[in-house]
């Protein structure tokens, strides 16, 4: 039976768990039987895993995950639920997801408001839906089925988009908000995706940010993107840029304390690099909560961390935005 509490307890500031960092995290864990404190533990509150990386029984990824999950809170983030598709939900996939969630005691799981393929063909992309009443009814029914099966509220994430539909009857934020309300689900608000779509579709990202219902927002994502001038692509292979940090500060001002996480899926830097970005998120959040949004102070903090990254990790300097 689904818990009637609307939101889960906040987990603080987290990172995506990637194979490049398994050993760093493992090496920082306390040694069994030792009373000595391990001061090398990274300053991260929790980890988010890519669900599909751990659905195969056995193997090294699951071995590392089990060890790390003993010491850190976990959340699951999927890309294969295909919640917007018109075909039947994949019950075998959902069973695997539920088994993994129970295995690592994940605090919640999320997937994307999109469709990823049809008629057995996987598009290998997160494709947007038309923003229509018909699509709302369809997606709400499917989310309800998933939540009933899992026994928990799930989080739905807004995707970055590069096309629009002439059939759309409303804005994306109206579409997302209505689905969350009718399905009684929670939201994973991807701040970078809002920015990317705002540039591509020429809308004000604050119109989106300030229109999403506060009571539904459980988690934030931040990530880097690739700017090609006329359009922007959500690539997760760059540091978070100044404009997205500024939008994050606005999000903190509007939503308050929300579980935060940085995504990095390509050009994976050393763990220390991501920890610096994570600490910047902490600093921005604390400042906004204490004194409100201050564009000058936000920019100073961002420039300071970028200078440190360029000095301490010169191999990553060309990626700094």
C-alpha atoms as a PDB file:
ATOM      1  CA  UNK A   1       0.000   0.000   0.000  1.00  0.00           C
ATOM      2  CA  UNK A   2       1.326   3.448  -0.920  1.00  0.00           C
ATOM      3  CA  UNK A   3       2.442   5.791   1.865  1.00  0.00           C
ATOM      4  CA  UNK A   4       0.082   8.770   2.105  1.00  0.00           C
ATOM      5  CA  UNK A   5       2.866  11.208   3.024  1.00  0.00           C
ATOM      6  CA  UNK A   6       3.390  13.416   0.002  1.00  0.00           C
ATOM      7  CA  UNK A   7       7.180  13.800   0.113  1.00  0.00           C
ATOM      8  CA  UNK A   8      10.137  11.790   1.322  1.00  0.00           C
ATOM      9  CA  UNK A   9      12.678  13.099   3.829  1.00  0.00           C
ATOM     10  CA  UNK A  10      15.425  15.167   2.218  1.00  0.00           C
ATOM     11  CA  UNK A  11      18.794  13.437   1.756  1.00  0.00           C
ATOM     12  CA  UNK A  12      20.969  16.514   1.282  1.00  0.00           C
ATOM     13  CA  UNK A  13      23.600  16.813  -1.455  1.00  0.00           C
ATOM     14  CA  UNK A  14      24.506  13.826  -3.600  1.00  0.00           C
ATOM     15  CA  UNK A  15      26.296  12.599  -6.698  1.00  0.00           C
ATOM     16  CA  UNK A  16      25.624  10.052  -9.383  1.00  0.00           C
ATOM     17  CA  UNK A  17      27.522   6.853  -8.550  1.00  0.00           C
ATOM     18  CA  UNK A  18      29.743   6.040 -11.547  1.00  0.00           C
ATOM     19  CA  UNK A  19      32.100   3.114 -12.060  1.00  0.00           C
ATOM     20  CA  UNK A  20      35.085   5.447 -12.349  1.00  0.00           C
ATOM     21  CA  UNK A  21      34.612   6.337  -8.680  1.00  0.00           C
ATOM     22  CA  UNK A  22      33.743   2.921  -7.202  1.00  0.00           C
ATOM     23  CA  UNK A  23      37.214   2.314  -5.818  1.00  0.00           C
ATOM     24  CA  UNK A  24      37.599   5.831  -4.407  1.00  0.00           C
ATOM     25  CA  UNK A  25      34.387   5.423  -2.455  1.00  0.00           C
ATOM     26  CA  UNK A  26      35.188   1.846  -1.372  1.00  0.00           C
ATOM     27  CA  UNK A  27      38.645   2.890  -0.150  1.00  0.00           C
ATOM     28  CA  UNK A  28      37.065   5.590   2.017  1.00  0.00           C
ATOM     29  CA  UNK A  29      34.701   3.202   3.818  1.00  0.00           C
ATOM     30  CA  UNK A  30      35.469   2.211   7.408  1.00  0.00           C
ATOM     31  CA  UNK A  31      37.521  -0.941   7.812  1.00  0.00           C
ATOM     32  CA  UNK A  32      35.589  -3.784   9.433  1.00  0.00           C
ATOM     33  CA  UNK A  33      36.592  -4.214  13.087  1.00  0.00           C
ATOM     34  CA  UNK A  34      38.516  -0.939  13.203  1.00  0.00           C
ATOM     35  CA  UNK A  35      37.567   1.780  15.694  1.00  0.00           C
ATOM     36  CA  UNK A  36      39.606   4.415  13.866  1.00  0.00           C
ATOM     37  CA  UNK A  37      37.646   7.066  11.985  1.00  0.00           C
ATOM     38  CA  UNK A  38      38.296   7.261   8.252  1.00  0.00           C
ATOM     39  CA  UNK A  39      38.910  10.912   7.453  1.00  0.00           C
ATOM     40  CA  UNK A  40      39.056  10.281   3.711  1.00  0.00           C
ATOM     41  CA  UNK A  41      35.285   9.750   3.410  1.00  0.00           C
ATOM     42  CA  UNK A  42      34.073  12.036   0.598  1.00  0.00           C
ATOM     43  CA  UNK A  43      31.745  14.848   1.612  1.00  0.00           C
ATOM     44  CA  UNK A  44      28.687  13.476  -0.180  1.00  0.00           C
ATOM     45  CA  UNK A  45      25.416  12.735   1.616  1.00  0.00           C
ATOM     46  CA  UNK A  46      23.978  10.143  -0.755  1.00  0.00           C
ATOM     47  CA  UNK A  47      24.342   8.544  -4.193  1.00  0.00           C
ATOM     48  CA  UNK A  48      21.983   8.149  -7.124  1.00  0.00           C
ATOM     49  CA  UNK A  49      22.415   5.084  -9.329  1.00  0.00           C
ATOM     50  CA  UNK A  50      21.416   4.497 -12.944  1.00  0.00           C
ATOM     51  CA  UNK A  51      18.882   1.722 -12.457  1.00  0.00           C
ATOM     52  CA  UNK A  52      19.619  -0.179 -15.654  1.00  0.00           C
ATOM     53  CA  UNK A  53      23.300  -0.629 -14.746  1.00  0.00           C
ATOM     54  CA  UNK A  54      22.390  -2.986 -11.894  1.00  0.00           C
ATOM     55  CA  UNK A  55      19.536  -5.141 -13.176  1.00  0.00           C
ATOM     56  CA  UNK A  56      21.798  -8.038 -14.218  1.00  0.00           C
ATOM     57  CA  UNK A  57      22.243 -10.577 -11.426  1.00  0.00           C
ATOM     58  CA  UNK A  58      25.788 -10.672 -10.054  1.00  0.00           C
ATOM     59  CA  UNK A  59      28.864  -8.993 -11.498  1.00  0.00           C
ATOM     60  CA  UNK A  60      31.193  -6.248 -10.294  1.00  0.00           C
ATOM     61  CA  UNK A  61      28.743  -3.320 -10.509  1.00  0.00           C
ATOM     62  CA  UNK A  62      26.328  -5.036  -8.126  1.00  0.00           C
ATOM     63  CA  UNK A  63      29.205  -6.101  -5.872  1.00  0.00           C
ATOM     64  CA  UNK A  64      30.382  -2.506  -5.505  1.00  0.00           C
ATOM     65  CA  UNK A  65      26.837  -1.203  -5.141  1.00  0.00           C
ATOM     66  CA  UNK A  66      26.069  -3.587  -2.277  1.00  0.00           C
ATOM     67  CA  UNK A  67      29.159  -2.461  -0.378  1.00  0.00           C
ATOM     68  CA  UNK A  68      28.551   1.245  -0.912  1.00  0.00           C
ATOM     69  CA  UNK A  69      24.813   0.998  -0.146  1.00  0.00           C
ATOM     70  CA  UNK A  70      25.690  -0.310   3.327  1.00  0.00           C
ATOM     71  CA  UNK A  71      27.143   3.121   4.150  1.00  0.00           C
ATOM     72  CA  UNK A  72      25.268   5.665   1.991  1.00  0.00           C
ATOM     73  CA  UNK A  73      21.596   6.406   1.337  1.00  0.00           C
ATOM     74  CA  UNK A  74      20.608   5.561  -2.244  1.00  0.00           C
ATOM     75  CA  UNK A  75      18.094   6.666  -4.873  1.00  0.00           C
ATOM     76  CA  UNK A  76      17.436   5.013  -8.234  1.00  0.00           C
ATOM     77  CA  UNK A  77      17.150   6.842 -11.557  1.00  0.00           C
ATOM     78  CA  UNK A  78      15.924   4.971 -14.631  1.00  0.00           C
ATOM     79  CA  UNK A  79      15.788   5.613 -18.363  1.00  0.00           C
ATOM     80  CA  UNK A  80      13.752   2.637 -19.595  1.00  0.00           C
ATOM     81  CA  UNK A  81      10.295   2.833 -18.043  1.00  0.00           C
ATOM     82  CA  UNK A  82       8.987   4.379 -21.281  1.00  0.00           C
ATOM     83  CA  UNK A  83       6.153   5.992 -19.348  1.00  0.00           C
ATOM     84  CA  UNK A  84       4.826   7.878 -22.376  1.00  0.00           C
ATOM     85  CA  UNK A  85       4.683   4.897 -24.719  1.00  0.00           C
ATOM     86  CA  UNK A  86       1.345   3.502 -25.898  1.00  0.00           C
ATOM     87  CA  UNK A  87       2.382  -0.143 -25.486  1.00  0.00           C
ATOM     88  CA  UNK A  88       1.868  -2.130 -22.301  1.00  0.00           C
ATOM     89  CA  UNK A  89       4.197  -1.446 -19.390  1.00  0.00           C
ATOM     90  CA  UNK A  90       7.066  -3.912 -19.150  1.00  0.00           C
ATOM     91  CA  UNK A  91       6.113  -5.897 -16.047  1.00  0.00           C
ATOM     92  CA  UNK A  92       9.346  -7.929 -16.087  1.00  0.00           C
ATOM     93  CA  UNK A  93      11.340  -4.693 -16.019  1.00  0.00           C
ATOM     94  CA  UNK A  94       9.215  -3.347 -13.164  1.00  0.00           C
ATOM     95  CA  UNK A  95       9.764  -6.545 -11.163  1.00  0.00           C
ATOM     96  CA  UNK A  96      13.531  -6.157 -11.593  1.00  0.00           C
ATOM     97  CA  UNK A  97      13.334  -2.524 -10.528  1.00  0.00           C
ATOM     98  CA  UNK A  98      11.320  -3.373  -7.422  1.00  0.00           C
ATOM     99  CA  UNK A  99      13.745  -6.159  -6.484  1.00  0.00           C
ATOM    100  CA  UNK A 100      16.734  -3.817  -6.796  1.00  0.00           C
ATOM    101  CA  UNK A 101      14.968  -1.077  -4.831  1.00  0.00           C
ATOM    102  CA  UNK A 102      14.367  -3.496  -1.969  1.00  0.00           C
ATOM    103  CA  UNK A 103      17.893  -4.889  -2.185  1.00  0.00           C
ATOM    104  CA  UNK A 104      19.606  -1.538  -1.616  1.00  0.00           C
ATOM    105  CA  UNK A 105      16.768   0.023   0.384  1.00  0.00           C
ATOM    106  CA  UNK A 106      16.577   2.927  -2.075  1.00  0.00           C
ATOM    107  CA  UNK A 107      14.768   5.946  -0.669  1.00  0.00           C
ATOM    108  CA  UNK A 108      12.951   6.534  -3.956  1.00  0.00           C
ATOM    109  CA  UNK A 109      13.141   5.907  -7.674  1.00  0.00           C
ATOM    110  CA  UNK A 110      12.646   8.177 -10.649  1.00  0.00           C
ATOM    111  CA  UNK A 111      12.278   8.065 -14.402  1.00  0.00           C
ATOM    112  CA  UNK A 112      11.554  10.510 -17.209  1.00  0.00           C
ATOM    113  CA  UNK A 113       8.400  12.076 -18.613  1.00  0.00           C
ATOM    114  CA  UNK A 114       9.007  10.830 -22.125  1.00  0.00           C
ATOM    115  CA  UNK A 115       8.748   7.943 -24.557  1.00  0.00           C
ATOM    116  CA  UNK A 116      11.833   5.986 -25.593  1.00  0.00           C
ATOM    117  CA  UNK A 117      10.582   3.817 -28.437  1.00  0.00           C
ATOM    118  CA  UNK A 118       7.617   2.034 -29.956  1.00  0.00           C
ATOM    119  CA  UNK A 119       6.738  -1.286 -31.601  1.00  0.00           C
ATOM    120  CA  UNK A 120       9.760  -2.935 -30.034  1.00  0.00           C
ATOM    121  CA  UNK A 121      12.203  -0.332 -31.357  1.00  0.00           C
ATOM    122  CA  UNK A 122      14.317   1.595 -28.847  1.00  0.00           C
ATOM    123  CA  UNK A 123      15.100   5.153 -29.953  1.00  0.00           C
ATOM    124  CA  UNK A 124      17.941   5.374 -27.399  1.00  0.00           C
ATOM    125  CA  UNK A 125      16.750   8.848 -26.506  1.00  0.00           C
ATOM    126  CA  UNK A 126      14.331  10.515 -24.106  1.00  0.00           C
ATOM    127  CA  UNK A 127      11.704  11.885 -26.475  1.00  0.00           C
ATOM    128  CA  UNK A 128       9.187  14.558 -25.413  1.00  0.00           C
ATOM    129  CA  UNK A 129       5.429  14.103 -25.488  1.00  0.00           C
ATOM    130  CA  UNK A 130       2.793  16.401 -26.992  1.00  0.00           C
ATOM    131  CA  UNK A 131       1.378  18.586 -24.247  1.00  0.00           C
ATOM    132  CA  UNK A 132      -2.262  17.559 -24.604  1.00  0.00           C
ATOM    133  CA  UNK A 133      -5.131  16.462 -22.385  1.00  0.00           C
ATOM    134  CA  UNK A 134      -5.073  13.064 -24.078  1.00  0.00           C
ATOM    135  CA  UNK A 135      -1.386  12.600 -23.223  1.00  0.00           C
ATOM    136  CA  UNK A 136      -2.006  13.670 -19.613  1.00  0.00           C
ATOM    137  CA  UNK A 137      -4.714  11.052 -19.152  1.00  0.00           C
ATOM    138  CA  UNK A 138      -2.529   8.373 -20.720  1.00  0.00           C
ATOM    139  CA  UNK A 139       0.570   9.125 -18.645  1.00  0.00           C
ATOM    140  CA  UNK A 140      -1.379   9.525 -15.398  1.00  0.00           C
ATOM    141  CA  UNK A 141      -2.867   6.064 -15.827  1.00  0.00           C
ATOM    142  CA  UNK A 142       0.553   4.524 -16.442  1.00  0.00           C
ATOM    143  CA  UNK A 143       2.205   6.286 -13.490  1.00  0.00           C
ATOM    144  CA  UNK A 144      -0.657   5.102 -11.287  1.00  0.00           C
ATOM    145  CA  UNK A 145      -0.068   1.522 -12.434  1.00  0.00           C
ATOM    146  CA  UNK A 146       3.649   1.796 -11.648  1.00  0.00           C
ATOM    147  CA  UNK A 147       3.051   3.319  -8.210  1.00  0.00           C
ATOM    148  CA  UNK A 148       0.477   0.677  -7.349  1.00  0.00           C
ATOM    149  CA  UNK A 149       2.918  -2.056  -8.353  1.00  0.00           C
ATOM    150  CA  UNK A 150       5.836  -0.564  -6.429  1.00  0.00           C
ATOM    151  CA  UNK A 151       3.806   0.494  -3.406  1.00  0.00           C
ATOM    152  CA  UNK A 152       5.579   3.875  -3.385  1.00  0.00           C
ATOM    153  CA  UNK A 153       5.358   7.256  -5.010  1.00  0.00           C
ATOM    154  CA  UNK A 154       7.785   7.645  -7.871  1.00  0.00           C
ATOM    155  CA  UNK A 155       9.478  10.790  -9.170  1.00  0.00           C
ATOM    156  CA  UNK A 156       8.990  11.980 -12.740  1.00  0.00           C
ATOM    157  CA  UNK A 157      11.703  14.113 -14.360  1.00  0.00           C
ATOM    158  CA  UNK A 158      11.300  16.807 -16.980  1.00  0.00           C
ATOM    159  CA  UNK A 159      13.446  16.085 -20.053  1.00  0.00           C
ATOM    160  CA  UNK A 160      15.410  18.438 -22.288  1.00  0.00           C
ATOM    161  CA  UNK A 161      13.735  18.788 -25.671  1.00  0.00           C
ATOM    162  CA  UNK A 162      14.708  19.731 -29.196  1.00  0.00           C
ATOM    163  CA  UNK A 163      11.360  19.389 -31.004  1.00  0.00           C
ATOM    164  CA  UNK A 164       7.820  20.538 -30.329  1.00  0.00           C
ATOM    165  CA  UNK A 165       4.392  19.327 -31.475  1.00  0.00           C
ATOM    166  CA  UNK A 166       1.823  21.490 -33.240  1.00  0.00           C
ATOM    167  CA  UNK A 167      -0.843  19.490 -31.365  1.00  0.00           C
ATOM    168  CA  UNK A 168       0.324  20.800 -27.972  1.00  0.00           C
ATOM    169  CA  UNK A 169      -2.409  22.603 -26.043  1.00  0.00           C
ATOM    170  CA  UNK A 170      -0.399  23.985 -23.113  1.00  0.00           C
ATOM    171  CA  UNK A 171       3.118  24.744 -21.888  1.00  0.00           C
ATOM    172  CA  UNK A 172       5.466  22.009 -20.708  1.00  0.00           C
ATOM    173  CA  UNK A 173       5.299  23.229 -17.107  1.00  0.00           C
ATOM    174  CA  UNK A 174       1.490  23.137 -17.152  1.00  0.00           C
ATOM    175  CA  UNK A 175       1.651  19.622 -18.592  1.00  0.00           C
ATOM    176  CA  UNK A 176       4.166  18.425 -15.981  1.00  0.00           C
ATOM    177  CA  UNK A 177       2.297  20.017 -13.079  1.00  0.00           C
ATOM    178  CA  UNK A 178      -1.043  18.554 -14.083  1.00  0.00           C
ATOM    179  CA  UNK A 179       0.404  15.064 -14.401  1.00  0.00           C
ATOM    180  CA  UNK A 180       2.007  15.307 -10.954  1.00  0.00           C
ATOM    181  CA  UNK A 181      -1.295  16.447  -9.442  1.00  0.00           C
ATOM    182  CA  UNK A 182      -3.533  13.842 -11.086  1.00  0.00           C
ATOM    183  CA  UNK A 183      -1.117  10.925 -10.692  1.00  0.00           C
ATOM    184  CA  UNK A 184      -0.225  12.013  -7.149  1.00  0.00           C
ATOM    185  CA  UNK A 185       3.462  11.511  -7.940  1.00  0.00           C
ATOM    186  CA  UNK A 186       6.503  13.615  -7.093  1.00  0.00           C
ATOM    187  CA  UNK A 187       8.860  15.561  -9.331  1.00  0.00           C
ATOM    188  CA  UNK A 188      12.554  15.396 -10.037  1.00  0.00           C
ATOM    189  CA  UNK A 189      13.121  18.903 -11.350  1.00  0.00           C
ATOM    190  CA  UNK A 190      16.137  18.998 -13.644  1.00  0.00           C
ATOM    191  CA  UNK A 191      17.338  22.605 -13.554  1.00  0.00           C
ATOM    192  CA  UNK A 192      19.730  22.110 -16.467  1.00  0.00           C
ATOM    193  CA  UNK A 193      16.971  20.587 -18.612  1.00  0.00           C
ATOM    194  CA  UNK A 194      14.785  23.628 -17.961  1.00  0.00           C
ATOM    195  CA  UNK A 195      17.623  25.874 -19.110  1.00  0.00           C
ATOM    196  CA  UNK A 196      18.399  23.761 -22.202  1.00  0.00           C
ATOM    197  CA  UNK A 197      14.749  23.673 -23.293  1.00  0.00           C
ATOM    198  CA  UNK A 198      14.357  27.394 -22.572  1.00  0.00           C
ATOM    199  CA  UNK A 199      17.197  28.197 -24.965  1.00  0.00           C
ATOM    200  CA  UNK A 200      15.982  25.763 -27.629  1.00  0.00           C
ATOM    201  CA  UNK A 201      12.324  26.844 -27.479  1.00  0.00           C
ATOM    202  CA  UNK A 202      12.868  30.488 -26.542  1.00  0.00           C
ATOM    203  CA  UNK A 203      10.950  30.785 -23.287  1.00  0.00           C
ATOM    204  CA  UNK A 204      11.928  32.309 -19.946  1.00  0.00           C
ATOM    205  CA  UNK A 205      13.233  29.533 -17.678  1.00  0.00           C
ATOM    206  CA  UNK A 206      11.878  31.372 -14.631  1.00  0.00           C
ATOM    207  CA  UNK A 207       8.344  31.056 -16.032  1.00  0.00           C
ATOM    208  CA  UNK A 208       8.850  27.297 -15.897  1.00  0.00           C
ATOM    209  CA  UNK A 209      10.628  27.208 -12.542  1.00  0.00           C
ATOM    210  CA  UNK A 210       8.137  29.374 -10.680  1.00  0.00           C
ATOM    211  CA  UNK A 211       5.071  27.569 -12.057  1.00  0.00           C
ATOM    212  CA  UNK A 212       5.892  24.075 -10.797  1.00  0.00           C
ATOM    213  CA  UNK A 213       4.025  23.126  -7.582  1.00  0.00           C
ATOM    214  CA  UNK A 214       6.366  23.365  -4.598  1.00  0.00           C
ATOM    215  CA  UNK A 215       4.712  20.514  -2.741  1.00  0.00           C
ATOM    216  CA  UNK A 216       5.585  18.072  -5.535  1.00  0.00           C
ATOM    217  CA  UNK A 217       9.308  18.815  -5.968  1.00  0.00           C
ATOM    218  CA  UNK A 218      11.366  16.127  -4.214  1.00  0.00           C
ATOM    219  CA  UNK A 219      14.739  16.423  -5.949  1.00  0.00           C
ATOM    220  CA  UNK A 220      16.882  18.659  -8.157  1.00  0.00           C
ATOM    221  CA  UNK A 221      19.289  17.575 -10.882  1.00  0.00           C
ATOM    222  CA  UNK A 222      22.100  19.778 -12.141  1.00  0.00           C
ATOM    223  CA  UNK A 223      24.386  18.904 -15.040  1.00  0.00           C
ATOM    224  CA  UNK A 224      26.513  20.348 -17.807  1.00  0.00           C
ATOM    225  CA  UNK A 225      25.479  20.784 -21.435  1.00  0.00           C
ATOM    226  CA  UNK A 226      27.006  21.566 -24.814  1.00  0.00           C
ATOM    227  CA  UNK A 227      26.228  24.980 -26.308  1.00  0.00           C
ATOM    228  CA  UNK A 228      26.320  25.084 -30.104  1.00  0.00           C
ATOM    229  CA  UNK A 229      25.169  28.671 -30.424  1.00  0.00           C
ATOM    230  CA  UNK A 230      21.775  28.245 -32.087  1.00  0.00           C
ATOM    231  CA  UNK A 231      20.859  25.292 -29.887  1.00  0.00           C
ATOM    232  CA  UNK A 232      21.942  23.540 -26.697  1.00  0.00           C
ATOM    233  CA  UNK A 233      22.184  19.792 -26.024  1.00  0.00           C
ATOM    234  CA  UNK A 234      21.999  18.128 -22.621  1.00  0.00           C
ATOM    235  CA  UNK A 235      25.205  16.063 -22.736  1.00  0.00           C
ATOM    236  CA  UNK A 236      26.187  15.610 -19.062  1.00  0.00           C
ATOM    237  CA  UNK A 237      29.849  15.840 -20.047  1.00  0.00           C
ATOM    238  CA  UNK A 238      30.702  19.328 -18.815  1.00  0.00           C
ATOM    239  CA  UNK A 239      30.813  21.256 -15.543  1.00  0.00           C
ATOM    240  CA  UNK A 240      27.629  23.105 -14.605  1.00  0.00           C
ATOM    241  CA  UNK A 241      27.661  26.525 -16.289  1.00  0.00           C
ATOM    242  CA  UNK A 242      27.157  29.947 -14.689  1.00  0.00           C
ATOM    243  CA  UNK A 243      23.601  30.425 -15.978  1.00  0.00           C
ATOM    244  CA  UNK A 244      22.452  27.068 -14.593  1.00  0.00           C
ATOM    245  CA  UNK A 245      24.036  27.799 -11.207  1.00  0.00           C
ATOM    246  CA  UNK A 246      22.130  31.079 -11.183  1.00  0.00           C
ATOM    247  CA  UNK A 247      18.894  29.268 -12.025  1.00  0.00           C
ATOM    248  CA  UNK A 248      19.620  26.789  -9.229  1.00  0.00           C
ATOM    249  CA  UNK A 249      19.951  29.680  -6.782  1.00  0.00           C
ATOM    250  CA  UNK A 250      16.536  30.919  -7.900  1.00  0.00           C
ATOM    251  CA  UNK A 251      15.185  27.407  -7.367  1.00  0.00           C
ATOM    252  CA  UNK A 252      16.515  27.341  -3.790  1.00  0.00           C
ATOM    253  CA  UNK A 253      14.968  30.737  -3.154  1.00  0.00           C
ATOM    254  CA  UNK A 254      11.596  29.499  -4.422  1.00  0.00           C
ATOM    255  CA  UNK A 255      11.461  25.870  -3.243  1.00  0.00           C
ATOM    256  CA  UNK A 256      13.702  25.927  -0.159  1.00  0.00           C
ATOM    257  CA  UNK A 257      15.508  22.765   0.955  1.00  0.00           C
ATOM    258  CA  UNK A 258      15.287  20.149  -1.800  1.00  0.00           C
ATOM    259  CA  UNK A 259      17.478  17.062  -2.202  1.00  0.00           C
ATOM    260  CA  UNK A 260      20.211  17.943  -4.695  1.00  0.00           C
ATOM    261  CA  UNK A 261      22.352  15.892  -7.070  1.00  0.00           C
ATOM    262  CA  UNK A 262      24.941  16.514  -9.828  1.00  0.00           C
ATOM    263  CA  UNK A 263      24.856  14.283 -12.919  1.00  0.00           C
ATOM    264  CA  UNK A 264      27.990  13.483 -14.904  1.00  0.00           C
ATOM    265  CA  UNK A 265      27.835  10.708 -17.506  1.00  0.00           C
ATOM    266  CA  UNK A 266      30.722  11.399 -19.891  1.00  0.00           C
ATOM    267  CA  UNK A 267      34.192  12.945 -19.638  1.00  0.00           C
ATOM    268  CA  UNK A 268      34.088  11.709 -16.044  1.00  0.00           C
ATOM    269  CA  UNK A 269      36.519  13.790 -13.950  1.00  0.00           C
ATOM    270  CA  UNK A 270      38.196  12.761 -10.689  1.00  0.00           C
ATOM    271  CA  UNK A 271      35.830  12.452  -7.764  1.00  0.00           C
ATOM    272  CA  UNK A 272      37.476  15.484  -6.158  1.00  0.00           C
ATOM    273  CA  UNK A 273      36.330  17.643  -9.071  1.00  0.00           C
ATOM    274  CA  UNK A 274      32.692  16.704  -8.606  1.00  0.00           C
ATOM    275  CA  UNK A 275      32.990  17.173  -4.853  1.00  0.00           C
ATOM    276  CA  UNK A 276      34.072  20.764  -5.464  1.00  0.00           C
ATOM    277  CA  UNK A 277      30.965  21.368  -7.559  1.00  0.00           C
ATOM    278  CA  UNK A 278      28.854  19.699  -4.908  1.00  0.00           C
ATOM    279  CA  UNK A 279      30.294  21.954  -2.240  1.00  0.00           C
ATOM    280  CA  UNK A 280      29.495  24.961  -4.424  1.00  0.00           C
ATOM    281  CA  UNK A 281      25.859  23.829  -4.431  1.00  0.00           C
ATOM    282  CA  UNK A 282      25.952  23.693  -0.626  1.00  0.00           C
ATOM    283  CA  UNK A 283      27.434  27.186  -0.417  1.00  0.00           C
ATOM    284  CA  UNK A 284      24.904  28.672  -2.833  1.00  0.00           C
ATOM    285  CA  UNK A 285      22.031  27.010  -1.010  1.00  0.00           C
ATOM    286  CA  UNK A 286      23.196  28.255   2.373  1.00  0.00           C
ATOM    287  CA  UNK A 287      23.746  31.789   1.140  1.00  0.00           C
ATOM    288  CA  UNK A 288      20.341  32.010  -0.540  1.00  0.00           C
ATOM    289  CA  UNK A 289      18.590  30.701   2.570  1.00  0.00           C
ATOM    290  CA  UNK A 290      20.409  33.232   4.762  1.00  0.00           C
ATOM    291  CA  UNK A 291      20.401  36.401   2.650  1.00  0.00           C
ATOM    292  CA  UNK A 292      18.271  35.693  -0.428  1.00  0.00           C
ATOM    293  CA  UNK A 293      19.248  35.583  -4.082  1.00  0.00           C
ATOM    294  CA  UNK A 294      22.245  37.782  -4.904  1.00  0.00           C
ATOM    295  CA  UNK A 295      23.472  37.487  -8.503  1.00  0.00           C
ATOM    296  CA  UNK A 296      26.833  39.120  -7.750  1.00  0.00           C
ATOM    297  CA  UNK A 297      27.597  36.790  -4.842  1.00  0.00           C
ATOM    298  CA  UNK A 298      26.515  33.737  -6.840  1.00  0.00           C
ATOM    299  CA  UNK A 299      28.836  34.714  -9.683  1.00  0.00           C
ATOM    300  CA  UNK A 300      31.740  35.226  -7.266  1.00  0.00           C
ATOM    301  CA  UNK A 301      31.257  31.772  -5.798  1.00  0.00           C
ATOM    302  CA  UNK A 302      31.047  30.153  -9.241  1.00  0.00           C
ATOM    303  CA  UNK A 303      34.157  31.946 -10.493  1.00  0.00           C
ATOM    304  CA  UNK A 304      36.051  30.984  -7.340  1.00  0.00           C
ATOM    305  CA  UNK A 305      35.324  27.288  -7.771  1.00  0.00           C
ATOM    306  CA  UNK A 306      36.107  27.388 -11.485  1.00  0.00           C
ATOM    307  CA  UNK A 307      39.470  28.989 -10.719  1.00  0.00           C
ATOM    308  CA  UNK A 308      40.211  26.256  -8.170  1.00  0.00           C
ATOM    309  CA  UNK A 309      39.253  23.540 -10.642  1.00  0.00           C
ATOM    310  CA  UNK A 310      41.475  25.055 -13.314  1.00  0.00           C
ATOM    311  CA  UNK A 311      44.405  25.212 -10.869  1.00  0.00           C
ATOM    312  CA  UNK A 312      44.025  21.850  -9.141  1.00  0.00           C
ATOM    313  CA  UNK A 313      42.824  19.879 -12.168  1.00  0.00           C
ATOM    314  CA  UNK A 314      44.406  21.571 -15.229  1.00  0.00           C
ATOM    315  CA  UNK A 315      43.487  18.572 -17.408  1.00  0.00           C
ATOM    316  CA  UNK A 316      39.838  19.650 -17.048  1.00  0.00           C
ATOM    317  CA  UNK A 317      40.405  23.353 -17.712  1.00  0.00           C
ATOM    318  CA  UNK A 318      39.177  23.217 -21.321  1.00  0.00           C
ATOM    319  CA  UNK A 319      35.797  21.915 -20.069  1.00  0.00           C
ATOM    320  CA  UNK A 320      35.132  24.826 -17.712  1.00  0.00           C
ATOM    321  CA  UNK A 321      32.375  27.056 -19.005  1.00  0.00           C
END
